[in-house]
Amino acid sequence: TPIKAEITPHNVNDIIPAREFKIEPNTTYVFDLAYYNFEWW
C-alpha cells in the first residue's frame, strides 16, 4: 500500500522529499543509498 508520494523533477535528490515527509514515530524505515543523510537518520 502506498502511504505517501511526491513527483519532482528527475534531478531532485531523493533525500529532499524524504525529509519533507512526516516521520511516524515507532516505525521501521527501509531505504537505499539515495537517502544517505546522517541528519535525517
PDB file of all heavy atoms in Angstrom:
ATOM      1  N   THR A   1       0.821  -1.199   0.000  1.00  0.00           N
ATOM      2  CA  THR A   1       0.000   0.000   0.000  1.00  0.00           C
ATOM      3  C   THR A   1       0.859   1.255   0.000  1.00  0.00           C
ATOM      4  O   THR A   1       1.673   1.449   0.906  1.00  0.00           O
ATOM      5  CB  THR A   1      -0.905   0.020   1.260  1.00  0.00           C
ATOM      6  OG1 THR A   1      -1.662  -1.187   1.302  1.00  0.00           O
ATOM      7  CG2 THR A   1      -1.826   1.221   1.262  1.00  0.00           C
ATOM      8  N   PRO A   2       0.684   2.126  -1.000  1.00  0.00           N
ATOM      9  CA  PRO A   2       1.374   3.411  -0.963  1.00  0.00           C
ATOM     10  C   PRO A   2       0.822   4.257   0.185  1.00  0.00           C
ATOM     11  O   PRO A   2      -0.374   4.276   0.436  1.00  0.00           O
ATOM     12  CB  PRO A   2       1.044   4.059  -2.302  1.00  0.00           C
ATOM     13  CG  PRO A   2       0.431   2.988  -3.137  1.00  0.00           C
ATOM     14  CD  PRO A   2      -0.098   1.948  -2.204  1.00  0.00           C
ATOM     15  N   ILE A   3       1.723   4.928   0.883  1.00  0.00           N
ATOM     16  CA  ILE A   3       1.324   5.763   2.010  1.00  0.00           C
ATOM     17  C   ILE A   3       1.483   7.239   1.655  1.00  0.00           C
ATOM     18  O   ILE A   3       0.640   8.057   1.981  1.00  0.00           O
ATOM     19  CB  ILE A   3       2.146   5.407   3.257  1.00  0.00           C
ATOM     20  CG1 ILE A   3       1.835   3.966   3.652  1.00  0.00           C
ATOM     21  CG2 ILE A   3       1.875   6.358   4.404  1.00  0.00           C
ATOM     22  CD1 ILE A   3       2.742   3.412   4.711  1.00  0.00           C
ATOM     23  N   LYS A   4       2.591   7.555   0.996  1.00  0.00           N
ATOM     24  CA  LYS A   4       2.884   8.932   0.590  1.00  0.00           C
ATOM     25  C   LYS A   4       3.556   8.881  -0.769  1.00  0.00           C
ATOM     26  O   LYS A   4       4.259   7.923  -1.082  1.00  0.00           O
ATOM     27  CB  LYS A   4       3.833   9.610   1.584  1.00  0.00           C
ATOM     28  CG  LYS A   4       3.332   9.671   2.985  1.00  0.00           C
ATOM     29  CD  LYS A   4       4.423  10.125   3.928  1.00  0.00           C
ATOM     30  CE  LYS A   4       3.950   9.927   5.346  1.00  0.00           C
ATOM     31  NZ  LYS A   4       4.988   9.708   6.294  1.00  0.00           N
ATOM     32  N   ALA A   5       3.358   9.944  -1.535  1.00  0.00           N
ATOM     33  CA  ALA A   5       4.034  10.036  -2.830  1.00  0.00           C
ATOM     34  C   ALA A   5       4.209  11.494  -3.192  1.00  0.00           C
ATOM     35  O   ALA A   5       3.417  12.350  -2.792  1.00  0.00           O
ATOM     36  CB  ALA A   5       3.245   9.314  -3.900  1.00  0.00           C
ATOM     37  N   GLU A   6       5.274  11.745  -3.942  1.00  0.00           N
ATOM     38  CA  GLU A   6       5.527  13.087  -4.447  1.00  0.00           C
ATOM     39  C   GLU A   6       6.231  12.967  -5.789  1.00  0.00           C
ATOM     40  O   GLU A   6       7.100  12.112  -5.962  1.00  0.00           O
ATOM     41  CB  GLU A   6       6.395  13.879  -3.470  1.00  0.00           C
ATOM     42  CG  GLU A   6       6.622  15.305  -3.925  1.00  0.00           C
ATOM     43  CD  GLU A   6       7.365  16.144  -2.906  1.00  0.00           C
ATOM     44  OE1 GLU A   6       7.290  15.845  -1.708  1.00  0.00           O
ATOM     45  OE2 GLU A   6       8.026  17.106  -3.342  1.00  0.00           O
ATOM     46  N   ILE A   7       5.864  13.827  -6.708  1.00  0.00           N
ATOM     47  CA  ILE A   7       6.508  13.880  -8.007  1.00  0.00           C
ATOM     48  C   ILE A   7       7.374  15.126  -8.046  1.00  0.00           C
ATOM     49  O   ILE A   7       6.930  16.216  -7.672  1.00  0.00           O
ATOM     50  CB  ILE A   7       5.473  13.897  -9.148  1.00  0.00           C
ATOM     51  CG1 ILE A   7       4.703  12.577  -9.160  1.00  0.00           C
ATOM     52  CG2 ILE A   7       6.149  14.145 -10.492  1.00  0.00           C
ATOM     53  CD1 ILE A   7       3.575  12.520 -10.156  1.00  0.00           C
ATOM     54  N   THR A   8       8.630  14.939  -8.483  1.00  0.00           N
ATOM     55  CA  THR A   8       9.569  16.057  -8.571  1.00  0.00           C
ATOM     56  C   THR A   8      10.249  16.012  -9.933  1.00  0.00           C
ATOM     57  O   THR A   8      10.150  15.016 -10.652  1.00  0.00           O
ATOM     58  CB  THR A   8      10.660  15.969  -7.481  1.00  0.00           C
ATOM     59  OG1 THR A   8      11.461  14.818  -7.739  1.00  0.00           O
ATOM     60  CG2 THR A   8      10.059  15.919  -6.089  1.00  0.00           C
ATOM     61  N   PRO A   9      10.988  17.063 -10.276  1.00  0.00           N
ATOM     62  CA  PRO A   9      11.848  16.966 -11.454  1.00  0.00           C
ATOM     63  C   PRO A   9      12.808  15.782 -11.281  1.00  0.00           C
ATOM     64  O   PRO A   9      13.150  15.408 -10.156  1.00  0.00           O
ATOM     65  CB  PRO A   9      12.609  18.295 -11.456  1.00  0.00           C
ATOM     66  CG  PRO A   9      11.720  19.234 -10.717  1.00  0.00           C
ATOM     67  CD  PRO A   9      11.044  18.397  -9.669  1.00  0.00           C
ATOM     68  N   HIS A  10      13.250  15.205 -12.379  1.00  0.00           N
ATOM     69  CA  HIS A  10      14.063  13.985 -12.324  1.00  0.00           C
ATOM     70  C   HIS A  10      15.402  14.184 -11.635  1.00  0.00           C
ATOM     71  O   HIS A  10      15.997  13.234 -11.158  1.00  0.00           O
ATOM     72  CB  HIS A  10      14.275  13.407 -13.724  1.00  0.00           C
ATOM     73  CG  HIS A  10      15.354  14.096 -14.505  1.00  0.00           C
ATOM     74  ND1 HIS A  10      15.137  15.285 -15.165  1.00  0.00           N
ATOM     75  CD2 HIS A  10      16.655  13.779 -14.698  1.00  0.00           C
ATOM     76  CE1 HIS A  10      16.265  15.663 -15.739  1.00  0.00           C
ATOM     77  NE2 HIS A  10      17.198  14.769 -15.475  1.00  0.00           N
ATOM     78  N   ASN A  11      15.879  15.408 -11.526  1.00  0.00           N
ATOM     79  CA  ASN A  11      17.199  15.640 -10.963  1.00  0.00           C
ATOM     80  C   ASN A  11      17.183  16.042  -9.486  1.00  0.00           C
ATOM     81  O   ASN A  11      18.201  16.428  -8.935  1.00  0.00           O
ATOM     82  CB  ASN A  11      17.945  16.695 -11.782  1.00  0.00           C
ATOM     83  CG  ASN A  11      17.206  18.008 -11.849  1.00  0.00           C
ATOM     84  OD1 ASN A  11      16.065  18.120 -11.406  1.00  0.00           O
ATOM     85  ND2 ASN A  11      17.839  19.014 -12.424  1.00  0.00           N
ATOM     86  N   VAL A  12      16.044  15.898  -8.812  1.00  0.00           N
ATOM     87  CA  VAL A  12      15.954  16.215  -7.388  1.00  0.00           C
ATOM     88  C   VAL A  12      16.494  15.033  -6.585  1.00  0.00           C
ATOM     89  O   VAL A  12      16.099  13.890  -6.807  1.00  0.00           O
ATOM     90  CB  VAL A  12      14.497  16.532  -6.979  1.00  0.00           C
ATOM     91  CG1 VAL A  12      14.337  16.594  -5.475  1.00  0.00           C
ATOM     92  CG2 VAL A  12      14.047  17.828  -7.627  1.00  0.00           C
ATOM     93  N   ASN A  13      17.411  15.332  -5.659  1.00  0.00           N
ATOM     94  CA  ASN A  13      17.970  14.299  -4.801  1.00  0.00           C
ATOM     95  C   ASN A  13      16.859  13.676  -3.957  1.00  0.00           C
ATOM     96  O   ASN A  13      16.023  14.377  -3.399  1.00  0.00           O
ATOM     97  CB  ASN A  13      19.048  14.914  -3.900  1.00  0.00           C
ATOM     98  CG  ASN A  13      19.827  13.878  -3.142  1.00  0.00           C
ATOM     99  OD1 ASN A  13      19.268  13.043  -2.437  1.00  0.00           O
ATOM    100  ND2 ASN A  13      21.139  13.938  -3.271  1.00  0.00           N
ATOM    101  N   ASP A  14      16.869  12.350  -3.829  1.00  0.00           N
ATOM    102  CA  ASP A  14      15.794  11.627  -3.142  1.00  0.00           C
ATOM    103  C   ASP A  14      15.614  12.040  -1.685  1.00  0.00           C
ATOM    104  O   ASP A  14      14.513  11.966  -1.146  1.00  0.00           O
ATOM    105  CB  ASP A  14      16.045  10.121  -3.210  1.00  0.00           C
ATOM    106  CG  ASP A  14      16.026   9.596  -4.634  1.00  0.00           C
ATOM    107  OD1 ASP A  14      15.615  10.339  -5.548  1.00  0.00           O
ATOM    108  OD2 ASP A  14      16.429   8.442  -4.843  1.00  0.00           O
ATOM    109  N   ILE A  15      16.677  12.464  -1.027  1.00  0.00           N
ATOM    110  CA  ILE A  15      16.566  12.822   0.387  1.00  0.00           C
ATOM    111  C   ILE A  15      15.730  14.078   0.586  1.00  0.00           C
ATOM    112  O   ILE A  15      15.127  14.270   1.651  1.00  0.00           O
ATOM    113  CB  ILE A  15      17.964  12.959   1.040  1.00  0.00           C
ATOM    114  CG1 ILE A  15      17.850  13.025   2.579  1.00  0.00           C
ATOM    115  CG2 ILE A  15      18.708  14.165   0.518  1.00  0.00           C
ATOM    116  CD1 ILE A  15      17.284  11.810   3.223  1.00  0.00           C
ATOM    117  N   ILE A  16      15.633  14.940  -0.407  1.00  0.00           N
ATOM    118  CA  ILE A  16      14.896  16.202  -0.246  1.00  0.00           C
ATOM    119  C   ILE A  16      13.413  15.951   0.036  1.00  0.00           C
ATOM    120  O   ILE A  16      12.891  16.414   1.058  1.00  0.00           O
ATOM    121  CB  ILE A  16      15.138  17.136  -1.445  1.00  0.00           C
ATOM    122  CG1 ILE A  16      16.608  17.586  -1.427  1.00  0.00           C
ATOM    123  CG2 ILE A  16      14.176  18.336  -1.418  1.00  0.00           C
ATOM    124  CD1 ILE A  16      17.050  18.326  -2.649  1.00  0.00           C
ATOM    125  N   PRO A  17      12.677  15.205  -0.800  1.00  0.00           N
ATOM    126  CA  PRO A  17      11.280  14.947  -0.434  1.00  0.00           C
ATOM    127  C   PRO A  17      11.154  14.040   0.793  1.00  0.00           C
ATOM    128  O   PRO A  17      10.212  14.182   1.571  1.00  0.00           O
ATOM    129  CB  PRO A  17      10.672  14.291  -1.678  1.00  0.00           C
ATOM    130  CG  PRO A  17      11.799  13.937  -2.548  1.00  0.00           C
ATOM    131  CD  PRO A  17      12.980  14.739  -2.151  1.00  0.00           C
ATOM    132  N   ALA A  18      12.109  13.120   0.990  1.00  0.00           N
ATOM    133  CA  ALA A  18      12.042  12.236   2.161  1.00  0.00           C
ATOM    134  C   ALA A  18      12.063  13.057   3.448  1.00  0.00           C
ATOM    135  O   ALA A  18      11.331  12.753   4.393  1.00  0.00           O
ATOM    136  CB  ALA A  18      13.197  11.239   2.143  1.00  0.00           C
ATOM    137  N   ARG A  19      12.883  14.086   3.479  1.00  0.00           N
ATOM    138  CA  ARG A  19      12.969  14.923   4.683  1.00  0.00           C
ATOM    139  C   ARG A  19      11.703  15.749   4.894  1.00  0.00           C
ATOM    140  O   ARG A  19      11.439  16.200   6.003  1.00  0.00           O
ATOM    141  CB  ARG A  19      14.181  15.835   4.605  1.00  0.00           C
ATOM    142  CG  ARG A  19      15.470  15.018   4.711  1.00  0.00           C
ATOM    143  CD  ARG A  19      16.638  15.886   4.861  1.00  0.00           C
ATOM    144  NE  ARG A  19      16.554  16.476   6.206  1.00  0.00           N
ATOM    145  CZ  ARG A  19      17.570  16.990   6.837  1.00  0.00           C
ATOM    146  NH1 ARG A  19      18.741  17.016   6.273  1.00  0.00           N
ATOM    147  NH2 ARG A  19      17.436  17.499   8.035  1.00  0.00           N
ATOM    148  N   GLU A  20      10.919  15.930   3.838  1.00  0.00           N
ATOM    149  CA  GLU A  20       9.669  16.668   3.969  1.00  0.00           C
ATOM    150  C   GLU A  20       8.511  15.780   4.409  1.00  0.00           C
ATOM    151  O   GLU A  20       7.522  16.271   4.943  1.00  0.00           O
ATOM    152  CB  GLU A  20       9.333  17.360   2.648  1.00  0.00           C
ATOM    153  CG  GLU A  20      10.328  18.459   2.318  1.00  0.00           C
ATOM    154  CD  GLU A  20      10.099  19.081   0.951  1.00  0.00           C
ATOM    155  OE1 GLU A  20       9.095  18.744   0.284  1.00  0.00           O
ATOM    156  OE2 GLU A  20      10.926  19.914   0.546  1.00  0.00           O
ATOM    157  N   PHE A  21       8.619  14.463   4.190  1.00  0.00           N
ATOM    158  CA  PHE A  21       7.584  13.546   4.657  1.00  0.00           C
ATOM    159  C   PHE A  21       7.595  13.534   6.185  1.00  0.00           C
ATOM    160  O   PHE A  21       8.652  13.518   6.807  1.00  0.00           O
ATOM    161  CB  PHE A  21       7.821  12.122   4.147  1.00  0.00           C
ATOM    162  CG  PHE A  21       7.615  11.930   2.673  1.00  0.00           C
ATOM    163  CD1 PHE A  21       8.424  11.057   1.966  1.00  0.00           C
ATOM    164  CD2 PHE A  21       6.615  12.591   1.979  1.00  0.00           C
ATOM    165  CE1 PHE A  21       8.245  10.849   0.612  1.00  0.00           C
ATOM    166  CE2 PHE A  21       6.428  12.399   0.626  1.00  0.00           C
ATOM    167  CZ  PHE A  21       7.241  11.524  -0.056  1.00  0.00           C
ATOM    168  N   LYS A  22       6.430  13.509   6.789  1.00  0.00           N
ATOM    169  CA  LYS A  22       6.331  13.467   8.248  1.00  0.00           C
ATOM    170  C   LYS A  22       6.833  12.105   8.735  1.00  0.00           C
ATOM    171  O   LYS A  22       6.419  11.063   8.248  1.00  0.00           O
ATOM    172  CB  LYS A  22       4.886  13.672   8.685  1.00  0.00           C
ATOM    173  CG  LYS A  22       4.692  13.691  10.182  1.00  0.00           C
ATOM    174  CD  LYS A  22       3.219  13.893  10.533  1.00  0.00           C
ATOM    175  CE  LYS A  22       2.986  13.920  12.016  1.00  0.00           C
ATOM    176  NZ  LYS A  22       3.234  12.672  12.694  1.00  0.00           N
ATOM    177  N   ILE A  23       7.720  12.124   9.711  1.00  0.00           N
ATOM    178  CA  ILE A  23       8.225  10.889  10.305  1.00  0.00           C
ATOM    179  C   ILE A  23       7.180  10.348  11.267  1.00  0.00           C
ATOM    180  O   ILE A  23       6.665  11.085  12.111  1.00  0.00           O
ATOM    181  CB  ILE A  23       9.553  11.134  11.049  1.00  0.00           C
ATOM    182  CG1 ILE A  23      10.644  11.548  10.052  1.00  0.00           C
ATOM    183  CG2 ILE A  23       9.974   9.904  11.847  1.00  0.00           C
ATOM    184  CD1 ILE A  23      11.942  11.998  10.700  1.00  0.00           C
ATOM    185  N   GLU A  24       6.861   9.076  11.115  1.00  0.00           N
ATOM    186  CA  GLU A  24       5.920   8.430  12.018  1.00  0.00           C
ATOM    187  C   GLU A  24       6.714   7.736  13.118  1.00  0.00           C
ATOM    188  O   GLU A  24       7.457   6.796  12.837  1.00  0.00           O
ATOM    189  CB  GLU A  24       5.044   7.443  11.258  1.00  0.00           C
ATOM    190  CG  GLU A  24       4.153   8.112  10.244  1.00  0.00           C
ATOM    191  CD  GLU A  24       3.248   7.125   9.518  1.00  0.00           C
ATOM    192  OE1 GLU A  24       2.933   6.061  10.091  1.00  0.00           O
ATOM    193  OE2 GLU A  24       2.874   7.424   8.376  1.00  0.00           O
ATOM    194  N   PRO A  25       6.574   8.191  14.358  1.00  0.00           N
ATOM    195  CA  PRO A  25       7.327   7.573  15.455  1.00  0.00           C
ATOM    196  C   PRO A  25       7.078   6.068  15.544  1.00  0.00           C
ATOM    197  O   PRO A  25       6.013   5.571  15.158  1.00  0.00           O
ATOM    198  CB  PRO A  25       6.791   8.295  16.700  1.00  0.00           C
ATOM    199  CG  PRO A  25       6.272   9.600  16.188  1.00  0.00           C
ATOM    200  CD  PRO A  25       5.732   9.291  14.812  1.00  0.00           C
ATOM    201  N   ASN A  26       8.069   5.349  16.047  1.00  0.00           N
ATOM    202  CA  ASN A  26       7.982   3.903  16.280  1.00  0.00           C
ATOM    203  C   ASN A  26       7.757   3.095  15.010  1.00  0.00           C
ATOM    204  O   ASN A  26       7.120   2.051  15.034  1.00  0.00           O
ATOM    205  CB  ASN A  26       6.890   3.581  17.305  1.00  0.00           C
ATOM    206  CG  ASN A  26       7.095   4.331  18.593  1.00  0.00           C
ATOM    207  OD1 ASN A  26       8.185   4.319  19.154  1.00  0.00           O
ATOM    208  ND2 ASN A  26       6.065   5.022  19.051  1.00  0.00           N
ATOM    209  N   THR A  27       8.271   3.577  13.901  1.00  0.00           N
ATOM    210  CA  THR A  27       8.121   2.916  12.608  1.00  0.00           C
ATOM    211  C   THR A  27       9.492   2.457  12.132  1.00  0.00           C
ATOM    212  O   THR A  27      10.500   3.063  12.454  1.00  0.00           O
ATOM    213  CB  THR A  27       7.488   3.890  11.591  1.00  0.00           C
ATOM    214  OG1 THR A  27       6.189   4.260  12.064  1.00  0.00           O
ATOM    215  CG2 THR A  27       7.370   3.287  10.204  1.00  0.00           C
ATOM    216  N   THR A  28       9.504   1.373  11.367  1.00  0.00           N
ATOM    217  CA  THR A  28      10.730   0.918  10.724  1.00  0.00           C
ATOM    218  C   THR A  28      10.772   1.505   9.320  1.00  0.00           C
ATOM    219  O   THR A  28       9.815   1.365   8.562  1.00  0.00           O
ATOM    220  CB  THR A  28      10.771  -0.618  10.641  1.00  0.00           C
ATOM    221  OG1 THR A  28      10.783  -1.143  11.970  1.00  0.00           O
ATOM    222  CG2 THR A  28      11.999  -1.101   9.899  1.00  0.00           C
ATOM    223  N   TYR A  29      11.879   2.157   8.982  1.00  0.00           N
ATOM    224  CA  TYR A  29      12.082   2.718   7.653  1.00  0.00           C
ATOM    225  C   TYR A  29      13.206   1.959   6.965  1.00  0.00           C
ATOM    226  O   TYR A  29      14.279   1.769   7.546  1.00  0.00           O
ATOM    227  CB  TYR A  29      12.444   4.211   7.730  1.00  0.00           C
ATOM    228  CG  TYR A  29      11.271   5.079   8.107  1.00  0.00           C
ATOM    229  CD1 TYR A  29      10.982   5.367   9.429  1.00  0.00           C
ATOM    230  CD2 TYR A  29      10.431   5.598   7.122  1.00  0.00           C
ATOM    231  CE1 TYR A  29       9.896   6.159   9.774  1.00  0.00           C
ATOM    232  CE2 TYR A  29       9.346   6.380   7.450  1.00  0.00           C
ATOM    233  CZ  TYR A  29       9.079   6.664   8.783  1.00  0.00           C
ATOM    234  OH  TYR A  29       8.000   7.444   9.107  1.00  0.00           O
ATOM    235  N   VAL A  30      12.949   1.528   5.738  1.00  0.00           N
ATOM    236  CA  VAL A  30      13.936   0.795   4.942  1.00  0.00           C
ATOM    237  C   VAL A  30      14.158   1.588   3.662  1.00  0.00           C
ATOM    238  O   VAL A  30      13.197   1.960   2.983  1.00  0.00           O
ATOM    239  CB  VAL A  30      13.442  -0.630   4.610  1.00  0.00           C
ATOM    240  CG1 VAL A  30      14.494  -1.399   3.835  1.00  0.00           C
ATOM    241  CG2 VAL A  30      13.049  -1.387   5.891  1.00  0.00           C
ATOM    242  N   PHE A  31      15.434   1.857   3.351  1.00  0.00           N
ATOM    243  CA  PHE A  31      15.735   2.688   2.189  1.00  0.00           C
ATOM    244  C   PHE A  31      17.138   2.389   1.699  1.00  0.00           C
ATOM    245  O   PHE A  31      17.915   1.717   2.370  1.00  0.00           O
ATOM    246  CB  PHE A  31      15.576   4.178   2.522  1.00  0.00           C
ATOM    247  CG  PHE A  31      16.177   4.585   3.845  1.00  0.00           C
ATOM    248  CD1 PHE A  31      17.502   4.967   3.941  1.00  0.00           C
ATOM    249  CD2 PHE A  31      15.406   4.573   4.997  1.00  0.00           C
ATOM    250  CE1 PHE A  31      18.056   5.344   5.154  1.00  0.00           C
ATOM    251  CE2 PHE A  31      15.946   4.950   6.220  1.00  0.00           C
ATOM    252  CZ  PHE A  31      17.277   5.329   6.297  1.00  0.00           C
ATOM    253  N   ASP A  32      17.454   2.898   0.513  1.00  0.00           N
ATOM    254  CA  ASP A  32      18.745   2.615  -0.100  1.00  0.00           C
ATOM    255  C   ASP A  32      19.670   3.829   0.003  1.00  0.00           C
ATOM    256  O   ASP A  32      19.368   4.801   0.680  1.00  0.00           O
ATOM    257  CB  ASP A  32      18.543   2.199  -1.561  1.00  0.00           C
ATOM    258  CG  ASP A  32      19.641   1.271  -2.063  1.00  0.00           C
ATOM    259  OD1 ASP A  32      20.614   1.029  -1.338  1.00  0.00           O
ATOM    260  OD2 ASP A  32      19.522   0.797  -3.197  1.00  0.00           O
ATOM    261  N   LEU A  33      20.769   3.767  -0.710  1.00  0.00           N
ATOM    262  CA  LEU A  33      21.835   4.770  -0.602  1.00  0.00           C
ATOM    263  C   LEU A  33      21.403   6.186  -0.969  1.00  0.00           C
ATOM    264  O   LEU A  33      22.048   7.147  -0.557  1.00  0.00           O
ATOM    265  CB  LEU A  33      23.019   4.361  -1.487  1.00  0.00           C
ATOM    266  CG  LEU A  33      23.794   3.137  -1.002  1.00  0.00           C
ATOM    267  CD1 LEU A  33      24.778   2.692  -2.066  1.00  0.00           C
ATOM    268  CD2 LEU A  33      24.494   3.413   0.300  1.00  0.00           C
ATOM    269  N   ALA A  34      20.349   6.343  -1.725  1.00  0.00           N
ATOM    270  CA  ALA A  34      19.902   7.680  -2.112  1.00  0.00           C
ATOM    271  C   ALA A  34      19.441   8.499  -0.908  1.00  0.00           C
ATOM    272  O   ALA A  34      19.297   9.713  -0.995  1.00  0.00           O
ATOM    273  CB  ALA A  34      18.773   7.587  -3.134  1.00  0.00           C
ATOM    274  N   TYR A  35      19.217   7.846   0.211  1.00  0.00           N
ATOM    275  CA  TYR A  35      18.738   8.511   1.428  1.00  0.00           C
ATOM    276  C   TYR A  35      19.841   8.574   2.486  1.00  0.00           C
ATOM    277  O   TYR A  35      19.582   8.561   3.673  1.00  0.00           O
ATOM    278  CB  TYR A  35      17.516   7.765   1.964  1.00  0.00           C
ATOM    279  CG  TYR A  35      16.413   7.684   0.944  1.00  0.00           C
ATOM    280  CD1 TYR A  35      16.317   6.594   0.089  1.00  0.00           C
ATOM    281  CD2 TYR A  35      15.499   8.714   0.797  1.00  0.00           C
ATOM    282  CE1 TYR A  35      15.323   6.520  -0.869  1.00  0.00           C
ATOM    283  CE2 TYR A  35      14.502   8.661  -0.160  1.00  0.00           C
ATOM    284  CZ  TYR A  35      14.418   7.555  -0.988  1.00  0.00           C
ATOM    285  OH  TYR A  35      13.443   7.497  -1.943  1.00  0.00           O
ATOM    286  N   TYR A  36      21.071   8.663   2.035  1.00  0.00           N
ATOM    287  CA  TYR A  36      22.240   8.672   2.914  1.00  0.00           C
ATOM    288  C   TYR A  36      22.418  10.061   3.502  1.00  0.00           C
ATOM    289  O   TYR A  36      23.032  10.938   2.902  1.00  0.00           O
ATOM    290  CB  TYR A  36      23.477   8.282   2.093  1.00  0.00           C
ATOM    291  CG  TYR A  36      24.545   7.561   2.875  1.00  0.00           C
ATOM    292  CD1 TYR A  36      24.493   6.191   3.029  1.00  0.00           C
ATOM    293  CD2 TYR A  36      25.606   8.243   3.445  1.00  0.00           C
ATOM    294  CE1 TYR A  36      25.470   5.508   3.721  1.00  0.00           C
ATOM    295  CE2 TYR A  36      26.590   7.573   4.146  1.00  0.00           C
ATOM    296  CZ  TYR A  36      26.511   6.206   4.280  1.00  0.00           C
ATOM    297  OH  TYR A  36      27.474   5.529   4.971  1.00  0.00           O
ATOM    298  N   ASN A  37      21.874  10.263   4.688  1.00  0.00           N
ATOM    299  CA  ASN A  37      21.918  11.589   5.303  1.00  0.00           C
ATOM    300  C   ASN A  37      21.907  11.422   6.815  1.00  0.00           C
ATOM    301  O   ASN A  37      20.896  11.044   7.398  1.00  0.00           O
ATOM    302  CB  ASN A  37      20.717  12.406   4.837  1.00  0.00           C
ATOM    303  CG  ASN A  37      20.746  13.815   5.353  1.00  0.00           C
ATOM    304  OD1 ASN A  37      20.436  14.054   6.507  1.00  0.00           O
ATOM    305  ND2 ASN A  37      21.097  14.756   4.486  1.00  0.00           N
ATOM    306  N   PHE A  38      23.038  11.703   7.451  1.00  0.00           N
ATOM    307  CA  PHE A  38      23.172  11.480   8.895  1.00  0.00           C
ATOM    308  C   PHE A  38      22.204  12.334   9.714  1.00  0.00           C
ATOM    309  O   PHE A  38      21.736  11.900  10.770  1.00  0.00           O
ATOM    310  CB  PHE A  38      24.602  11.728   9.346  1.00  0.00           C
ATOM    311  CG  PHE A  38      25.605  10.743   8.792  1.00  0.00           C
ATOM    312  CD1 PHE A  38      26.960  10.990   8.930  1.00  0.00           C
ATOM    313  CD2 PHE A  38      25.231   9.580   8.147  1.00  0.00           C
ATOM    314  CE1 PHE A  38      27.911  10.089   8.445  1.00  0.00           C
ATOM    315  CE2 PHE A  38      26.159   8.679   7.655  1.00  0.00           C
ATOM    316  CZ  PHE A  38      27.500   8.937   7.804  1.00  0.00           C
ATOM    317  N   GLU A  39      21.899  13.543   9.267  1.00  0.00           N
ATOM    318  CA  GLU A  39      20.941  14.383   9.989  1.00  0.00           C
ATOM    319  C   GLU A  39      19.565  13.737   9.989  1.00  0.00           C
ATOM    320  O   GLU A  39      18.867  13.733  11.009  1.00  0.00           O
ATOM    321  CB  GLU A  39      20.866  15.776   9.359  1.00  0.00           C
ATOM    322  CG  GLU A  39      22.085  16.623   9.601  1.00  0.00           C
ATOM    323  CD  GLU A  39      21.998  17.970   8.908  1.00  0.00           C
ATOM    324  OE1 GLU A  39      20.909  18.340   8.408  1.00  0.00           O
ATOM    325  OE2 GLU A  39      23.030  18.660   8.857  1.00  0.00           O
ATOM    326  N   TRP A  40      19.162  13.213   8.841  1.00  0.00           N
ATOM    327  CA  TRP A  40      17.843  12.567   8.740  1.00  0.00           C
ATOM    328  C   TRP A  40      17.819  11.302   9.591  1.00  0.00           C
ATOM    329  O   TRP A  40      16.843  11.035  10.285  1.00  0.00           O
ATOM    330  CB  TRP A  40      17.526  12.273   7.270  1.00  0.00           C
ATOM    331  CG  TRP A  40      16.137  11.793   7.035  1.00  0.00           C
ATOM    332  CD1 TRP A  40      14.966  12.439   7.363  1.00  0.00           C
ATOM    333  CD2 TRP A  40      15.757  10.578   6.416  1.00  0.00           C
ATOM    334  NE1 TRP A  40      13.888  11.671   6.974  1.00  0.00           N
ATOM    335  CE2 TRP A  40      14.345  10.531   6.390  1.00  0.00           C
ATOM    336  CE3 TRP A  40      16.470   9.514   5.875  1.00  0.00           C
ATOM    337  CZ2 TRP A  40      13.648   9.463   5.850  1.00  0.00           C
ATOM    338  CZ3 TRP A  40      15.767   8.459   5.326  1.00  0.00           C
ATOM    339  CH2 TRP A  40      14.370   8.442   5.318  1.00  0.00           C
ATOM    340  N   TRP A  41      18.910  10.535   9.563  1.00  0.00           N
ATOM    341  CA  TRP A  41      18.987   9.332  10.403  1.00  0.00           C
ATOM    342  C   TRP A  41      18.869   9.703  11.873  1.00  0.00           C
ATOM    343  O   TRP A  41      18.203   9.015  12.649  1.00  0.00           O
ATOM    344  CB  TRP A  41      20.283   8.583  10.169  1.00  0.00           C
ATOM    345  CG  TRP A  41      20.476   8.054   8.788  1.00  0.00           C
ATOM    346  CD1 TRP A  41      19.579   8.055   7.750  1.00  0.00           C
ATOM    347  CD2 TRP A  41      21.654   7.444   8.274  1.00  0.00           C
ATOM    348  NE1 TRP A  41      20.133   7.495   6.633  1.00  0.00           N
ATOM    349  CE2 TRP A  41      21.402   7.113   6.930  1.00  0.00           C
ATOM    350  CE3 TRP A  41      22.899   7.165   8.821  1.00  0.00           C
ATOM    351  CZ2 TRP A  41      22.353   6.491   6.125  1.00  0.00           C
ATOM    352  CZ3 TRP A  41      23.845   6.544   8.027  1.00  0.00           C
ATOM    353  CH2 TRP A  41      23.573   6.208   6.691  1.00  0.00           C
TER     354      TRP A  41
END
